[in-house]
Protein backbone atom coordinates (compact mmCIF):
# COMPACT_ATOMS: atom_id res chain seq x y z
CA MET A 1 21.50 -2.42 4.26
CA SER A 2 18.04 -1.77 5.73
CA ASP A 3 16.47 1.57 4.88
CA TYR A 4 16.97 4.45 7.27
CA LEU A 5 17.22 8.23 7.45
CA ILE A 6 19.53 10.49 9.40
CA LYS A 7 19.03 13.99 10.72
CA SER A 8 22.21 16.02 11.08
CA THR A 9 23.74 19.47 11.16
CA GLY A 10 26.96 20.86 9.76
CA TYR A 11 29.20 23.89 9.96
CA ASP A 12 28.44 24.45 13.67
CA GLY A 13 24.68 24.37 13.14
CA LYS A 14 24.63 26.69 10.14
CA VAL A 15 23.41 23.85 7.91
CA ARG A 16 20.73 21.23 8.50
CA ALA A 17 21.03 17.99 6.53
CA TYR A 18 18.84 14.93 6.00
CA ALA A 19 19.82 11.85 4.02
CA LEU A 20 18.26 8.46 3.45
CA VAL A 21 18.70 5.16 1.71
CA ALA A 22 15.25 3.93 0.67
CA THR A 23 15.81 1.08 -1.77
CA GLU A 24 13.55 -1.35 0.08
CA MET A 25 10.80 1.21 0.70
CA VAL A 26 10.63 2.24 -2.95
CA ASN A 27 10.88 -1.35 -4.14
CA GLU A 28 7.88 -2.32 -2.01
CA ALA A 29 5.80 0.51 -3.45
CA VAL A 30 6.89 -0.38 -6.99
CA ARG A 31 6.10 -4.06 -6.43
CA ARG A 32 2.63 -3.30 -5.15
CA GLN A 33 1.89 -0.74 -7.86
CA GLY A 34 3.40 -2.71 -10.74
CA THR A 35 4.99 0.47 -12.07
CA TRP A 36 7.16 0.57 -15.18
CA PRO A 37 10.69 2.05 -14.85
CA THR A 38 10.05 5.75 -15.56
CA ALA A 39 6.95 5.77 -13.36
CA SER A 40 8.94 3.90 -10.68
CA ALA A 41 11.62 6.59 -10.68
CA ALA A 42 9.01 9.36 -10.37
CA LEU A 43 7.18 7.57 -7.55
CA GLY A 44 10.42 6.78 -5.71
CA ARG A 45 11.74 10.33 -5.94
CA ALA A 46 8.46 11.76 -4.63
CA MET A 47 8.30 9.22 -1.78
CA MET A 48 11.83 9.98 -0.60
CA ALA A 49 11.47 13.77 -0.70
CA SER A 50 8.14 13.49 1.14
CA THR A 51 9.64 11.16 3.75
CA MET A 52 12.42 13.63 4.54
CA MET A 53 9.94 16.50 4.66
CA ALA A 54 7.65 14.60 7.04
CA THR A 55 10.46 13.79 9.45
CA MET A 56 11.19 17.51 9.79
CA MET A 57 7.88 17.87 11.66
CA LYS A 58 7.24 17.26 15.36
CA GLY A 59 5.11 14.77 17.30
CA ASP A 60 2.67 12.56 15.43
CA SER A 61 2.26 14.91 12.49
CA LYS A 62 1.72 13.68 8.95
CA LEU A 63 1.59 15.13 5.48
CA THR A 64 0.15 14.47 2.05
CA VAL A 65 1.99 15.52 -1.10
CA LYS A 66 0.15 15.77 -4.40
CA ILE A 67 2.06 16.30 -7.64
CA GLU A 68 0.08 17.07 -10.78
CA GLY A 69 2.38 18.05 -13.62
CA GLY A 70 0.10 17.28 -16.54
CA GLY A 71 2.23 14.33 -17.71
CA PRO A 72 1.10 10.82 -18.68
CA ILE A 73 1.54 9.28 -15.22
CA GLY A 74 -1.16 11.61 -13.89
CA ALA A 75 -1.16 12.54 -10.23
CA ILE A 76 1.41 11.29 -7.73
CA ILE A 77 0.00 11.02 -4.19
CA ILE A 78 2.25 10.45 -1.16
CA ASP A 79 1.34 10.09 2.51
CA SER A 80 4.13 10.21 5.09
CA ASN A 81 4.52 10.77 8.82
CA THR A 82 7.13 11.64 11.43
CA LYS A 83 7.75 7.94 12.16
CA GLY A 84 9.29 7.35 8.74
CA GLU A 85 6.24 5.52 7.39
CA THR A 86 5.39 6.36 3.79
CA ARG A 87 3.03 5.15 1.09
CA GLY A 88 2.41 6.42 -2.42
CA TYR A 89 0.95 5.76 -5.83
CA VAL A 90 0.78 7.17 -9.34
CA SER A 91 -2.49 7.38 -11.27
CA HIS A 92 -1.07 5.64 -14.35
CA PRO A 93 1.73 3.21 -13.34
CA HIS A 94 2.41 1.77 -16.81
CA VAL A 95 4.47 4.63 -18.21
CA HIS A 96 8.00 4.29 -19.56
CA PHE A 97 10.14 6.17 -22.10
CA ASP A 98 13.58 5.89 -23.61
CA LEU A 99 16.37 7.50 -21.58
CA ASN A 100 16.69 11.26 -21.89
CA LYS A 101 19.64 13.12 -23.41
CA HIS A 102 21.54 12.76 -20.11
CA GLY A 103 21.18 8.97 -20.19
CA LYS A 104 18.69 8.98 -17.30
CA LEU A 105 15.08 7.89 -16.92
CA ASP A 106 12.93 10.68 -18.36
CA VAL A 107 11.01 11.54 -15.20
CA ALA A 108 10.19 15.08 -16.35
CA ARG A 109 8.43 13.73 -19.44
CA ALA A 110 6.39 11.33 -17.30
CA VAL A 111 5.50 13.89 -14.61
CA GLY A 112 5.00 16.86 -16.92
CA THR A 113 6.00 20.47 -16.38
CA SER A 114 2.63 22.21 -16.29
CA GLY A 115 0.92 21.95 -12.95
CA SER A 116 1.63 22.10 -9.24
CA LEU A 117 3.22 20.45 -6.22
CA SER A 118 1.05 20.82 -3.13
CA VAL A 119 1.67 19.82 0.48
CA VAL A 120 -0.94 19.45 3.22
CA LYS A 121 0.52 19.12 6.73
CA ASP A 122 -1.64 17.73 9.52
CA LEU A 123 0.05 19.08 12.65
CA GLY A 124 -2.74 17.99 14.98
CA MET A 125 -4.16 21.51 15.12
CA ARG A 126 -7.59 22.77 14.18
CA GLU A 127 -6.55 23.66 10.65
CA ASN A 128 -4.01 21.99 8.38
CA PHE A 129 -1.09 23.87 6.83
CA THR A 130 -1.30 23.92 3.05
CA GLY A 131 1.34 25.07 0.58
CA SER A 132 1.48 24.87 -3.20
CA VAL A 133 4.00 25.84 -5.88
CA PRO A 134 4.14 25.48 -9.66
CA ILE A 135 6.06 22.55 -11.12
CA ILE A 136 9.28 24.06 -12.48
CA SER A 137 11.12 21.07 -13.97
CA GLY A 138 9.22 17.81 -13.46
CA GLU A 139 12.44 16.15 -12.25
CA LEU A 140 11.03 16.50 -8.71
CA GLY A 141 14.30 17.20 -6.87
CA GLU A 142 14.29 20.74 -8.26
CA ASP A 143 10.55 21.02 -7.64
CA PHE A 144 10.87 20.15 -3.95
CA THR A 145 13.85 22.55 -3.74
CA TYR A 146 11.60 25.29 -5.12
CA TYR A 147 8.83 24.34 -2.70
CA PHE A 148 11.11 24.74 0.33
CA ALA A 149 12.42 28.09 -0.88
CA SER A 150 9.07 29.50 -1.99
CA SER A 151 6.50 28.06 0.42
CA GLU A 152 8.62 27.63 3.56
CA GLN A 153 11.26 30.34 2.92
CA THR A 154 14.09 27.89 3.58
CA PRO A 155 16.97 27.87 1.07
CA SER A 156 17.45 24.17 0.31
CA SER A 157 18.94 21.66 -2.06
CA VAL A 158 17.02 18.42 -2.63
CA GLY A 159 18.63 15.46 -4.37
CA VAL A 160 16.67 12.25 -5.00
CA GLY A 161 17.53 9.38 -7.34
CA VAL A 162 16.32 5.91 -8.29
CA LEU A 163 18.02 3.19 -10.33
CA VAL A 164 15.78 0.45 -11.79
CA ASN A 165 16.87 -3.13 -12.57
CA PRO A 166 16.07 -4.83 -15.91
CA ASP A 167 13.36 -6.84 -14.11
CA ASN A 168 11.73 -3.54 -12.98
CA SER A 169 12.76 -3.97 -9.33
CA ILE A 170 14.70 -1.18 -7.62
CA LEU A 171 18.50 -1.37 -7.66
CA ALA A 172 19.17 1.75 -5.59
CA ALA A 173 17.18 4.64 -4.17
CA GLY A 174 18.39 7.46 -1.97
CA GLY A 175 18.29 11.18 -1.36
CA PHE A 176 19.26 14.20 0.70
CA VAL A 177 17.95 17.59 1.75
CA ILE A 178 20.46 20.31 2.65
CA GLN A 179 19.07 23.48 4.25
CA MET A 180 20.80 26.72 5.11
CA MET A 181 19.95 28.02 8.57
CA PRO A 182 19.75 31.70 9.56
CA GLY A 183 23.29 32.94 10.04
CA ALA A 184 24.84 30.76 7.35
CA ASP A 185 27.22 32.86 5.27
CA ASP A 186 27.77 32.87 1.52
CA ALA A 187 31.11 31.09 1.86
CA VAL A 188 29.41 28.02 3.37
CA ALA A 189 26.76 28.00 0.63
CA GLU A 190 29.41 28.29 -2.09
CA GLU A 191 31.44 25.45 -0.60
CA ILE A 192 28.41 23.15 -0.52
CA GLU A 193 27.34 24.12 -4.03
CA LYS A 194 30.83 23.28 -5.29
CA ARG A 195 30.65 19.79 -3.78
CA LEU A 196 27.14 19.22 -5.11
CA SER A 197 28.19 20.15 -8.63
CA SER A 198 31.13 17.73 -8.63
CA MET A 199 29.60 14.68 -6.90
CA PRO A 200 28.07 11.72 -8.79
CA PRO A 201 24.27 11.30 -8.91
CA ILE A 202 22.83 10.30 -5.54
CA SER A 203 21.49 7.01 -6.93
CA LYS A 204 25.02 6.04 -7.98
CA LEU A 205 26.33 6.73 -4.47
CA VAL A 206 23.67 4.42 -3.03
CA GLU A 207 24.47 1.78 -5.66
CA GLN A 208 28.10 1.95 -4.53
CA GLY A 209 26.95 1.14 -0.99
CA MET A 210 27.14 4.58 0.61
CA SER A 211 25.25 5.01 3.87
CA PRO A 212 23.20 8.13 4.71
CA GLU A 213 26.06 9.26 6.97
CA GLU A 214 28.54 8.94 4.10
CA ILE A 215 26.19 10.78 1.74
CA VAL A 216 25.97 13.75 4.11
CA SER A 217 29.75 13.75 4.59
CA THR A 218 30.17 13.79 0.81
CA VAL A 219 27.99 16.89 0.56
CA LEU A 220 29.15 18.78 3.64
CA GLY A 221 32.73 17.54 3.88
CA GLU A 222 34.48 15.20 6.30
CA GLY A 223 34.47 16.44 9.88
CA ASN A 224 31.67 18.95 9.28
CA VAL A 225 28.78 16.67 10.24
CA LYS A 226 27.07 16.07 13.57
CA ILE A 227 24.49 13.25 13.54
CA HIS A 228 21.44 13.88 15.76
CA GLU A 229 19.05 11.04 14.94
CA LYS A 230 18.84 7.81 12.96
CA LEU A 231 15.33 6.71 11.97
CA PRO A 232 14.20 3.49 10.22
CA ILE A 233 11.94 4.17 7.24
CA ARG A 234 9.55 1.86 5.42
CA PHE A 235 6.60 1.54 3.11
CA ALA A 236 3.49 1.37 5.31
CA CYS A 237 -0.18 1.44 4.41
CA HIS A 238 -2.76 1.89 7.12
CA CYS A 239 -5.75 0.53 5.23
CA SER A 240 -7.81 -2.31 6.71
CA LYS A 241 -11.14 -4.06 6.14
CA GLU A 242 -12.50 -2.25 9.21
CA ARG A 243 -11.62 1.14 7.74
CA VAL A 244 -13.20 0.22 4.42
CA ALA A 245 -16.31 -1.00 6.28
CA ASN A 246 -16.55 2.36 8.07
CA ALA A 247 -16.23 4.11 4.73
CA ILE A 248 -19.10 2.02 3.33
CA ILE A 249 -21.27 2.86 6.36
CA SER A 250 -20.56 6.55 5.79
CA LEU A 251 -22.04 6.27 2.28
CA GLY A 252 -25.52 6.09 3.77
CA LEU A 253 -28.44 3.66 3.71
CA GLU A 254 -29.55 4.26 0.15
CA GLU A 255 -26.18 3.51 -1.40
CA ILE A 256 -25.56 0.46 0.79
CA ARG A 257 -29.00 -0.94 -0.13
CA GLU A 258 -28.20 -0.38 -3.80
CA MET A 259 -24.94 -2.34 -3.40
CA ILE A 260 -26.87 -5.19 -1.77
CA ASP A 261 -29.76 -5.34 -4.24
CA GLU A 262 -27.95 -4.57 -7.49
CA ASP A 263 -24.43 -5.86 -6.95
CA GLY A 264 -24.93 -8.55 -4.32
CA GLY A 265 -21.62 -7.60 -2.71
CA ALA A 266 -18.74 -5.15 -2.99
CA GLU A 267 -15.06 -5.16 -3.81
CA THR A 268 -12.66 -2.32 -3.19
CA ARG A 269 -8.95 -1.93 -3.81
CA CYS A 270 -6.58 0.35 -1.90
CA HIS A 271 -4.87 2.82 -4.24
CA PHE A 272 -1.68 2.74 -2.19
CA CYS A 273 -1.01 -0.94 -1.48
CA ASN A 274 -3.33 -2.64 -3.98
CA GLU A 275 -4.87 -4.77 -1.22
CA VAL A 276 -8.35 -5.99 -2.23
CA TYR A 277 -11.21 -6.08 0.27
CA ASN A 278 -14.32 -8.14 -0.51
CA PHE A 279 -17.70 -7.77 1.17
CA THR A 280 -20.38 -10.42 0.66
CA LYS A 281 -24.09 -9.66 0.56
CA GLY A 282 -24.26 -10.79 4.19
CA ASP A 283 -21.41 -8.45 5.13
CA LEU A 284 -23.25 -5.54 3.55
CA GLU A 285 -26.50 -6.45 5.32
CA GLU A 286 -24.62 -6.22 8.62
CA LEU A 287 -23.15 -2.84 7.64
CA TYR A 288 -26.63 -1.66 6.64
CA GLU A 289 -27.96 -2.59 10.08
CA GLU A 290 -25.02 -0.80 11.69
CA ALA A 291 -25.74 2.28 9.60
CA VAL A 292 -29.37 2.19 10.73
CA ALA A 293 -28.30 1.88 14.37
CA THR A 294 -25.91 4.83 14.10
CA GLY A 295 -28.43 7.00 12.29
CA LYS A 296 -26.65 7.16 8.92
CA ASN A 297 -29.19 8.30 6.32
């Protein structure tokens, strides 16, 4: 099943629900990053929660999520947009631990529990929206739940899960966000909480072949769901040699000349997709001339 996300409502509009299956998206990020299993689970969970958050926005908006919990994987950085395109990386991909006491990958140990989760939303306006909350568990689902409640004042439940194969590829990855709308009564919330507490982990549901529609029905109950949109999602990096060239030009004449005279060329690697871009001495000479022409000092 190709990755996709659904937007839906339940209980006559009292509940808003998002769900996705993202096995291919997470697997592509993991393949490019070369992450070990615990780091893969952390990266995948963050990517899925960020993807669902981004698709809640309008137009061509985009967001960046930065998670710094003080753990050994370092920072997790995710970029996502309203089109369902997401990329992400962890600072230290080669992190793995034994399973925790619940028999799951120990994501909290990898992420850490002392730090913050911050979100920067580019809504196409003069100033970006920025929100930040403390890390409360390091498991990430709970941390995004806290973010929605604290920074956006929206009572929510976020579930994200990743299963990793013995060869380090991704077996299953999926998630959901359930949000209570104004006017939702306590009885609805209690009914949903009861289902959430009794259902298997989300990653197991995806492993069993459940679709996003079936995941939402499991949480909200059969007959309670109205699907509004189905959106393909994928790993997508927007880097290019042209963008890197523009970045080099922006460094200024002195630094470009230093690269030419001392290094005889340049090599740069994209943090997100691990694509390598090489610039020969001749390439840099051309960029130097372009910088002169555009008045870059």
